[in-house]
């Protein structure tokens, strides 16, 4: 619980300053309270890193459990649209959180390990600790699997925001943190949304983020 509260406090500030990300680039502080410096022209919307941060020594990664949070009014919006008497239940919400957390771990492990960075189960001098969170999660038409639910057609499966922190696993020093919001690409056509299509959409976004991290690790070694 303490770790989850800590994550929330850290990214609450970044969310506050990043709300206009889709409209225009916000005015961001050049240096955070932790002494991290804003990284210009990054592949993610907002990246801060320690001036002396160096990812070159890290050959393995240690992934902490992924914290998942829906957008503030998402559940209320879904229940107001639902034609079902019960709509989305608390159990449905927790199941979707668990599914997203598992999917994050699966995708990042697959991408990083295939790229030459095996996952460690404990700290080490060559181990990069990753503390991830998926926040502002907004699936447009979640499939709860309830019997008799109507088919839902959407142009996009939804959107979510990645908040991630990178630490030296031994010293605990914060090396970098980043925030990035992505939406499922829209084809301009309405398609049927279900658990399979939602999973495919989230996997595409997660794989993109994992690849950016892999590229950063590889770039540091050149």
C-alpha atoms as a PDB file:
ATOM      1  CA  UNK A   1       0.000   0.000   0.000  1.00  0.00           C
ATOM      2  CA  UNK A   2       2.816   2.439   0.846  1.00  0.00           C
ATOM      3  CA  UNK A   3       4.426   1.811  -2.547  1.00  0.00           C
ATOM      4  CA  UNK A   4       1.148   2.439  -4.378  1.00  0.00           C
ATOM      5  CA  UNK A   5       0.619   5.706  -2.495  1.00  0.00           C
ATOM      6  CA  UNK A   6       4.175   6.696  -3.351  1.00  0.00           C
ATOM      7  CA  UNK A   7       3.564   6.039  -7.032  1.00  0.00           C
ATOM      8  CA  UNK A   8       0.372   8.082  -6.958  1.00  0.00           C
ATOM      9  CA  UNK A   9       2.048  11.055  -5.327  1.00  0.00           C
ATOM     10  CA  UNK A  10       4.867  10.975  -7.892  1.00  0.00           C
ATOM     11  CA  UNK A  11       2.710  10.864 -11.007  1.00  0.00           C
ATOM     12  CA  UNK A  12      -0.070  13.129  -9.729  1.00  0.00           C
ATOM     13  CA  UNK A  13       2.218  16.094 -10.351  1.00  0.00           C
ATOM     14  CA  UNK A  14       3.093  14.901 -13.842  1.00  0.00           C
ATOM     15  CA  UNK A  15      -0.575  14.384 -14.679  1.00  0.00           C
ATOM     16  CA  UNK A  16      -1.374  17.905 -13.532  1.00  0.00           C
ATOM     17  CA  UNK A  17       1.189  19.429 -15.865  1.00  0.00           C
ATOM     18  CA  UNK A  18       0.524  17.069 -18.770  1.00  0.00           C
ATOM     19  CA  UNK A  19      -3.247  17.468 -19.160  1.00  0.00           C
ATOM     20  CA  UNK A  20      -2.903  19.515 -22.375  1.00  0.00           C
ATOM     21  CA  UNK A  21      -0.577  16.969 -24.012  1.00  0.00           C
ATOM     22  CA  UNK A  22      -2.933  16.379 -26.911  1.00  0.00           C
ATOM     23  CA  UNK A  23      -3.537  20.078 -27.499  1.00  0.00           C
ATOM     24  CA  UNK A  24      -0.090  21.646 -27.163  1.00  0.00           C
ATOM     25  CA  UNK A  25       3.183  21.028 -25.379  1.00  0.00           C
ATOM     26  CA  UNK A  26       2.796  22.259 -21.798  1.00  0.00           C
ATOM     27  CA  UNK A  27       5.240  24.448 -19.972  1.00  0.00           C
ATOM     28  CA  UNK A  28       7.283  22.021 -17.910  1.00  0.00           C
ATOM     29  CA  UNK A  29       9.841  22.700 -15.184  1.00  0.00           C
ATOM     30  CA  UNK A  30      13.381  22.100 -16.378  1.00  0.00           C
ATOM     31  CA  UNK A  31      14.368  20.421 -13.093  1.00  0.00           C
ATOM     32  CA  UNK A  32      12.216  18.404 -10.668  1.00  0.00           C
ATOM     33  CA  UNK A  33      12.452  18.404  -6.889  1.00  0.00           C
ATOM     34  CA  UNK A  34      14.485  15.185  -7.109  1.00  0.00           C
ATOM     35  CA  UNK A  35      17.020  16.933  -9.334  1.00  0.00           C
ATOM     36  CA  UNK A  36      15.956  15.218 -12.543  1.00  0.00           C
ATOM     37  CA  UNK A  37      16.323  17.274 -15.724  1.00  0.00           C
ATOM     38  CA  UNK A  38      13.817  17.508 -18.550  1.00  0.00           C
ATOM     39  CA  UNK A  39      14.952  15.517 -21.594  1.00  0.00           C
ATOM     40  CA  UNK A  40      14.161  17.308 -24.872  1.00  0.00           C
ATOM     41  CA  UNK A  41      13.022  15.562 -28.043  1.00  0.00           C
ATOM     42  CA  UNK A  42      12.344  12.216 -26.383  1.00  0.00           C
ATOM     43  CA  UNK A  43      10.192   9.458 -27.853  1.00  0.00           C
ATOM     44  CA  UNK A  44       7.809   9.775 -24.895  1.00  0.00           C
ATOM     45  CA  UNK A  45       5.722  12.856 -24.098  1.00  0.00           C
ATOM     46  CA  UNK A  46       7.572  13.763 -20.885  1.00  0.00           C
ATOM     47  CA  UNK A  47      10.925  12.388 -19.743  1.00  0.00           C
ATOM     48  CA  UNK A  48      13.083  13.473 -16.813  1.00  0.00           C
ATOM     49  CA  UNK A  49      16.510  11.976 -16.092  1.00  0.00           C
ATOM     50  CA  UNK A  50      19.345  12.451 -13.619  1.00  0.00           C
ATOM     51  CA  UNK A  51      22.222  14.434 -15.188  1.00  0.00           C
ATOM     52  CA  UNK A  52      24.626  11.570 -14.518  1.00  0.00           C
ATOM     53  CA  UNK A  53      22.210   8.772 -15.391  1.00  0.00           C
ATOM     54  CA  UNK A  54      23.806   6.022 -17.471  1.00  0.00           C
ATOM     55  CA  UNK A  55      21.905   2.938 -18.589  1.00  0.00           C
ATOM     56  CA  UNK A  56      24.958   1.293 -20.120  1.00  0.00           C
ATOM     57  CA  UNK A  57      25.892  -0.843 -17.053  1.00  0.00           C
ATOM     58  CA  UNK A  58      22.499  -2.563 -16.929  1.00  0.00           C
ATOM     59  CA  UNK A  59      22.219  -5.981 -18.541  1.00  0.00           C
ATOM     60  CA  UNK A  60      19.132  -7.255 -16.703  1.00  0.00           C
ATOM     61  CA  UNK A  61      15.859  -5.777 -15.500  1.00  0.00           C
ATOM     62  CA  UNK A  62      13.738  -6.203 -12.389  1.00  0.00           C
ATOM     63  CA  UNK A  63      10.060  -5.454 -13.016  1.00  0.00           C
ATOM     64  CA  UNK A  64       7.886  -4.466 -10.074  1.00  0.00           C
ATOM     65  CA  UNK A  65       4.143  -5.175 -10.167  1.00  0.00           C
ATOM     66  CA  UNK A  66       2.246  -2.777 -12.420  1.00  0.00           C
ATOM     67  CA  UNK A  67      -0.108  -0.354 -10.684  1.00  0.00           C
ATOM     68  CA  UNK A  68      -3.304   0.204 -12.711  1.00  0.00           C
ATOM     69  CA  UNK A  69      -5.850   3.003 -12.324  1.00  0.00           C
ATOM     70  CA  UNK A  70      -8.828   3.909 -14.490  1.00  0.00           C
ATOM     71  CA  UNK A  71      -9.653   7.470 -15.471  1.00  0.00           C
ATOM     72  CA  UNK A  72     -11.557   9.192 -12.678  1.00  0.00           C
ATOM     73  CA  UNK A  73     -15.064   9.168 -14.198  1.00  0.00           C
ATOM     74  CA  UNK A  74     -14.695   6.092 -16.385  1.00  0.00           C
ATOM     75  CA  UNK A  75     -16.831   3.745 -14.266  1.00  0.00           C
ATOM     76  CA  UNK A  76     -19.588   6.318 -13.880  1.00  0.00           C
ATOM     77  CA  UNK A  77     -19.620   6.907 -17.638  1.00  0.00           C
ATOM     78  CA  UNK A  78     -19.787   3.191 -18.418  1.00  0.00           C
ATOM     79  CA  UNK A  79     -22.606   2.556 -15.965  1.00  0.00           C
ATOM     80  CA  UNK A  80     -24.623   5.461 -17.348  1.00  0.00           C
ATOM     81  CA  UNK A  81     -24.326   3.991 -20.866  1.00  0.00           C
ATOM     82  CA  UNK A  82     -25.018   0.395 -19.919  1.00  0.00           C
ATOM     83  CA  UNK A  83     -28.345  -1.182 -20.813  1.00  0.00           C
ATOM     84  CA  UNK A  84     -27.718  -3.982 -18.333  1.00  0.00           C
ATOM     85  CA  UNK A  85     -29.417  -3.827 -14.894  1.00  0.00           C
ATOM     86  CA  UNK A  86     -26.119  -4.330 -13.037  1.00  0.00           C
ATOM     87  CA  UNK A  87     -23.694  -2.872 -15.550  1.00  0.00           C
ATOM     88  CA  UNK A  88     -20.001  -3.101 -14.684  1.00  0.00           C
ATOM     89  CA  UNK A  89     -19.379  -4.450 -11.193  1.00  0.00           C
ATOM     90  CA  UNK A  90     -16.542  -3.829  -8.760  1.00  0.00           C
ATOM     91  CA  UNK A  91     -15.357  -7.359  -9.488  1.00  0.00           C
ATOM     92  CA  UNK A  92     -15.245  -6.533 -13.214  1.00  0.00           C
ATOM     93  CA  UNK A  93     -13.087  -3.482 -12.493  1.00  0.00           C
ATOM     94  CA  UNK A  94     -10.618  -5.444 -10.353  1.00  0.00           C
ATOM     95  CA  UNK A  95     -10.446  -8.194 -12.958  1.00  0.00           C
ATOM     96  CA  UNK A  96      -9.681  -5.664 -15.688  1.00  0.00           C
ATOM     97  CA  UNK A  97      -6.955  -4.111 -13.545  1.00  0.00           C
ATOM     98  CA  UNK A  98      -5.383  -7.516 -12.962  1.00  0.00           C
ATOM     99  CA  UNK A  99      -5.619  -8.354 -16.666  1.00  0.00           C
ATOM    100  CA  UNK A 100      -3.907  -5.105 -17.658  1.00  0.00           C
ATOM    101  CA  UNK A 101      -1.152  -5.600 -15.054  1.00  0.00           C
ATOM    102  CA  UNK A 102      -0.528  -9.145 -16.293  1.00  0.00           C
ATOM    103  CA  UNK A 103      -0.497  -7.989 -19.906  1.00  0.00           C
ATOM    104  CA  UNK A 104       2.043  -5.277 -19.086  1.00  0.00           C
ATOM    105  CA  UNK A 105       4.369  -7.800 -17.459  1.00  0.00           C
ATOM    106  CA  UNK A 106       3.955 -10.271 -20.310  1.00  0.00           C
ATOM    107  CA  UNK A 107       4.657  -7.752 -23.080  1.00  0.00           C
ATOM    108  CA  UNK A 108       7.601  -6.030 -21.379  1.00  0.00           C
ATOM    109  CA  UNK A 109       9.226  -9.329 -20.423  1.00  0.00           C
ATOM    110  CA  UNK A 110       8.834 -10.646 -23.970  1.00  0.00           C
ATOM    111  CA  UNK A 111      10.261  -7.505 -25.617  1.00  0.00           C
ATOM    112  CA  UNK A 112      13.138  -6.986 -23.177  1.00  0.00           C
ATOM    113  CA  UNK A 113      14.203 -10.615 -22.999  1.00  0.00           C
ATOM    114  CA  UNK A 114      14.067 -11.015 -26.780  1.00  0.00           C
ATOM    115  CA  UNK A 115      16.218  -7.876 -26.952  1.00  0.00           C
ATOM    116  CA  UNK A 116      18.884  -9.390 -24.694  1.00  0.00           C
ATOM    117  CA  UNK A 117      17.800  -8.146 -21.258  1.00  0.00           C
ATOM    118  CA  UNK A 118      16.688 -11.092 -19.092  1.00  0.00           C
ATOM    119  CA  UNK A 119      14.414 -10.477 -16.139  1.00  0.00           C
ATOM    120  CA  UNK A 120      16.105 -10.819 -12.739  1.00  0.00           C
ATOM    121  CA  UNK A 121      14.371 -11.839  -9.512  1.00  0.00           C
ATOM    122  CA  UNK A 122      16.585  -9.792  -7.204  1.00  0.00           C
ATOM    123  CA  UNK A 123      18.741  -6.666  -7.131  1.00  0.00           C
ATOM    124  CA  UNK A 124      22.219  -6.649  -8.631  1.00  0.00           C
ATOM    125  CA  UNK A 125      24.852  -4.247  -9.912  1.00  0.00           C
ATOM    126  CA  UNK A 126      23.795  -4.910 -13.508  1.00  0.00           C
ATOM    127  CA  UNK A 127      20.052  -4.866 -12.753  1.00  0.00           C
ATOM    128  CA  UNK A 128      17.788  -1.955 -13.672  1.00  0.00           C
ATOM    129  CA  UNK A 129      14.696  -1.741 -11.456  1.00  0.00           C
ATOM    130  CA  UNK A 130      11.523  -0.682 -13.277  1.00  0.00           C
ATOM    131  CA  UNK A 131       8.475   0.622 -11.405  1.00  0.00           C
ATOM    132  CA  UNK A 132       5.571   0.950 -13.867  1.00  0.00           C
ATOM    133  CA  UNK A 133       2.019   2.225 -13.665  1.00  0.00           C
ATOM    134  CA  UNK A 134      -0.834   2.370 -16.157  1.00  0.00           C
ATOM    135  CA  UNK A 135      -3.028   5.322 -15.257  1.00  0.00           C
ATOM    136  CA  UNK A 136      -5.947   7.193 -16.806  1.00  0.00           C
ATOM    137  CA  UNK A 137      -7.009   3.894 -18.360  1.00  0.00           C
ATOM    138  CA  UNK A 138     -10.118   4.429 -20.500  1.00  0.00           C
ATOM    139  CA  UNK A 139     -11.378   1.421 -22.483  1.00  0.00           C
ATOM    140  CA  UNK A 140     -14.277   2.656 -24.612  1.00  0.00           C
ATOM    141  CA  UNK A 141     -16.277  -0.562 -24.594  1.00  0.00           C
ATOM    142  CA  UNK A 142     -15.058  -3.115 -22.038  1.00  0.00           C
ATOM    143  CA  UNK A 143     -16.237  -6.681 -22.491  1.00  0.00           C
ATOM    144  CA  UNK A 144     -17.305  -7.978 -19.085  1.00  0.00           C
ATOM    145  CA  UNK A 145     -18.447 -11.335 -20.412  1.00  0.00           C
ATOM    146  CA  UNK A 146     -21.924 -10.984 -18.935  1.00  0.00           C
ATOM    147  CA  UNK A 147     -24.547 -13.088 -20.637  1.00  0.00           C
ATOM    148  CA  UNK A 148     -26.872 -11.191 -22.907  1.00  0.00           C
ATOM    149  CA  UNK A 149     -24.693  -8.106 -23.279  1.00  0.00           C
ATOM    150  CA  UNK A 150     -25.259  -6.235 -26.532  1.00  0.00           C
ATOM    151  CA  UNK A 151     -22.565  -5.907 -29.192  1.00  0.00           C
ATOM    152  CA  UNK A 152     -20.684  -2.608 -29.055  1.00  0.00           C
ATOM    153  CA  UNK A 153     -19.017  -0.959 -32.021  1.00  0.00           C
ATOM    154  CA  UNK A 154     -16.293   1.660 -31.521  1.00  0.00           C
ATOM    155  CA  UNK A 155     -13.774   3.533 -33.678  1.00  0.00           C
ATOM    156  CA  UNK A 156     -11.012   3.129 -31.052  1.00  0.00           C
ATOM    157  CA  UNK A 157     -10.593   0.626 -28.226  1.00  0.00           C
ATOM    158  CA  UNK A 158      -9.554   3.406 -25.861  1.00  0.00           C
ATOM    159  CA  UNK A 159      -6.510   5.083 -24.339  1.00  0.00           C
ATOM    160  CA  UNK A 160      -4.115   4.837 -21.394  1.00  0.00           C
ATOM    161  CA  UNK A 161      -1.129   6.603 -19.883  1.00  0.00           C
ATOM    162  CA  UNK A 162       2.198   5.066 -18.959  1.00  0.00           C
ATOM    163  CA  UNK A 163       4.047   6.365 -15.920  1.00  0.00           C
ATOM    164  CA  UNK A 164       7.384   4.659 -15.368  1.00  0.00           C
ATOM    165  CA  UNK A 165      10.340   5.114 -13.042  1.00  0.00           C
ATOM    166  CA  UNK A 166      13.816   3.626 -13.516  1.00  0.00           C
ATOM    167  CA  UNK A 167      16.052   2.956 -10.505  1.00  0.00           C
ATOM    168  CA  UNK A 168      19.446   1.506  -9.783  1.00  0.00           C
ATOM    169  CA  UNK A 169      18.381  -1.714  -8.075  1.00  0.00           C
ATOM    170  CA  UNK A 170      21.214  -1.701  -5.522  1.00  0.00           C
ATOM    171  CA  UNK A 171      21.426   1.931  -4.401  1.00  0.00           C
ATOM    172  CA  UNK A 172      17.781   2.764  -5.044  1.00  0.00           C
ATOM    173  CA  UNK A 173      18.821   5.938  -6.888  1.00  0.00           C
ATOM    174  CA  UNK A 174      16.122   7.302  -9.200  1.00  0.00           C
ATOM    175  CA  UNK A 175      17.621   7.496 -12.700  1.00  0.00           C
ATOM    176  CA  UNK A 176      14.673   8.628 -14.779  1.00  0.00           C
ATOM    177  CA  UNK A 177      10.906   8.858 -14.982  1.00  0.00           C
ATOM    178  CA  UNK A 178       8.549   9.317 -17.895  1.00  0.00           C
ATOM    179  CA  UNK A 179       4.921   9.917 -18.751  1.00  0.00           C
ATOM    180  CA  UNK A 180       3.246   9.155 -22.063  1.00  0.00           C
ATOM    181  CA  UNK A 181      -0.384   8.828 -23.178  1.00  0.00           C
ATOM    182  CA  UNK A 182      -1.376   6.689 -26.131  1.00  0.00           C
ATOM    183  CA  UNK A 183      -4.721   5.924 -27.759  1.00  0.00           C
ATOM    184  CA  UNK A 184      -5.564   2.925 -29.881  1.00  0.00           C
ATOM    185  CA  UNK A 185      -5.153   3.905 -33.506  1.00  0.00           C
ATOM    186  CA  UNK A 186      -8.459   4.512 -35.211  1.00  0.00           C
ATOM    187  CA  UNK A 187      -9.104   3.185 -38.704  1.00  0.00           C
ATOM    188  CA  UNK A 188     -11.999   5.590 -39.157  1.00  0.00           C
ATOM    189  CA  UNK A 189     -14.343   2.603 -39.195  1.00  0.00           C
ATOM    190  CA  UNK A 190     -16.443   1.256 -36.354  1.00  0.00           C
ATOM    191  CA  UNK A 191     -15.536  -2.272 -35.291  1.00  0.00           C
ATOM    192  CA  UNK A 192     -16.947  -4.701 -32.763  1.00  0.00           C
ATOM    193  CA  UNK A 193     -15.242  -4.377 -29.397  1.00  0.00           C
ATOM    194  CA  UNK A 194     -14.716  -7.456 -27.235  1.00  0.00           C
ATOM    195  CA  UNK A 195     -12.085  -8.874 -24.885  1.00  0.00           C
ATOM    196  CA  UNK A 196      -9.965 -10.137 -27.794  1.00  0.00           C
ATOM    197  CA  UNK A 197      -9.896  -6.851 -29.723  1.00  0.00           C
ATOM    198  CA  UNK A 198      -9.308  -4.861 -26.532  1.00  0.00           C
ATOM    199  CA  UNK A 199      -6.348  -7.089 -25.662  1.00  0.00           C
ATOM    200  CA  UNK A 200      -4.882  -6.677 -29.137  1.00  0.00           C
ATOM    201  CA  UNK A 201      -5.173  -2.885 -28.880  1.00  0.00           C
ATOM    202  CA  UNK A 202      -3.554  -2.694 -25.454  1.00  0.00           C
ATOM    203  CA  UNK A 203      -0.789  -5.063 -26.539  1.00  0.00           C
ATOM    204  CA  UNK A 204       0.064  -2.807 -29.495  1.00  0.00           C
ATOM    205  CA  UNK A 205       0.444   0.204 -27.193  1.00  0.00           C
ATOM    206  CA  UNK A 206       2.400  -1.722 -24.549  1.00  0.00           C
ATOM    207  CA  UNK A 207       4.740  -3.197 -27.142  1.00  0.00           C
ATOM    208  CA  UNK A 208       5.462   0.297 -28.441  1.00  0.00           C
ATOM    209  CA  UNK A 209       6.432   1.484 -24.945  1.00  0.00           C
ATOM    210  CA  UNK A 210       8.536  -1.610 -24.260  1.00  0.00           C
ATOM    211  CA  UNK A 211      10.376  -1.118 -27.551  1.00  0.00           C
ATOM    212  CA  UNK A 212      11.184   2.496 -26.641  1.00  0.00           C
ATOM    213  CA  UNK A 213      12.738   1.299 -23.372  1.00  0.00           C
ATOM    214  CA  UNK A 214      14.682  -1.410 -25.194  1.00  0.00           C
ATOM    215  CA  UNK A 215      15.978   1.148 -27.692  1.00  0.00           C
ATOM    216  CA  UNK A 216      17.095   3.417 -24.822  1.00  0.00           C
ATOM    217  CA  UNK A 217      19.015   0.563 -23.189  1.00  0.00           C
ATOM    218  CA  UNK A 218      20.686  -0.337 -26.471  1.00  0.00           C
ATOM    219  CA  UNK A 219      21.476   3.268 -27.322  1.00  0.00           C
ATOM    220  CA  UNK A 220      23.262   3.715 -23.983  1.00  0.00           C
ATOM    221  CA  UNK A 221      25.734   0.979 -24.937  1.00  0.00           C
ATOM    222  CA  UNK A 222      26.803   2.560 -28.242  1.00  0.00           C
END
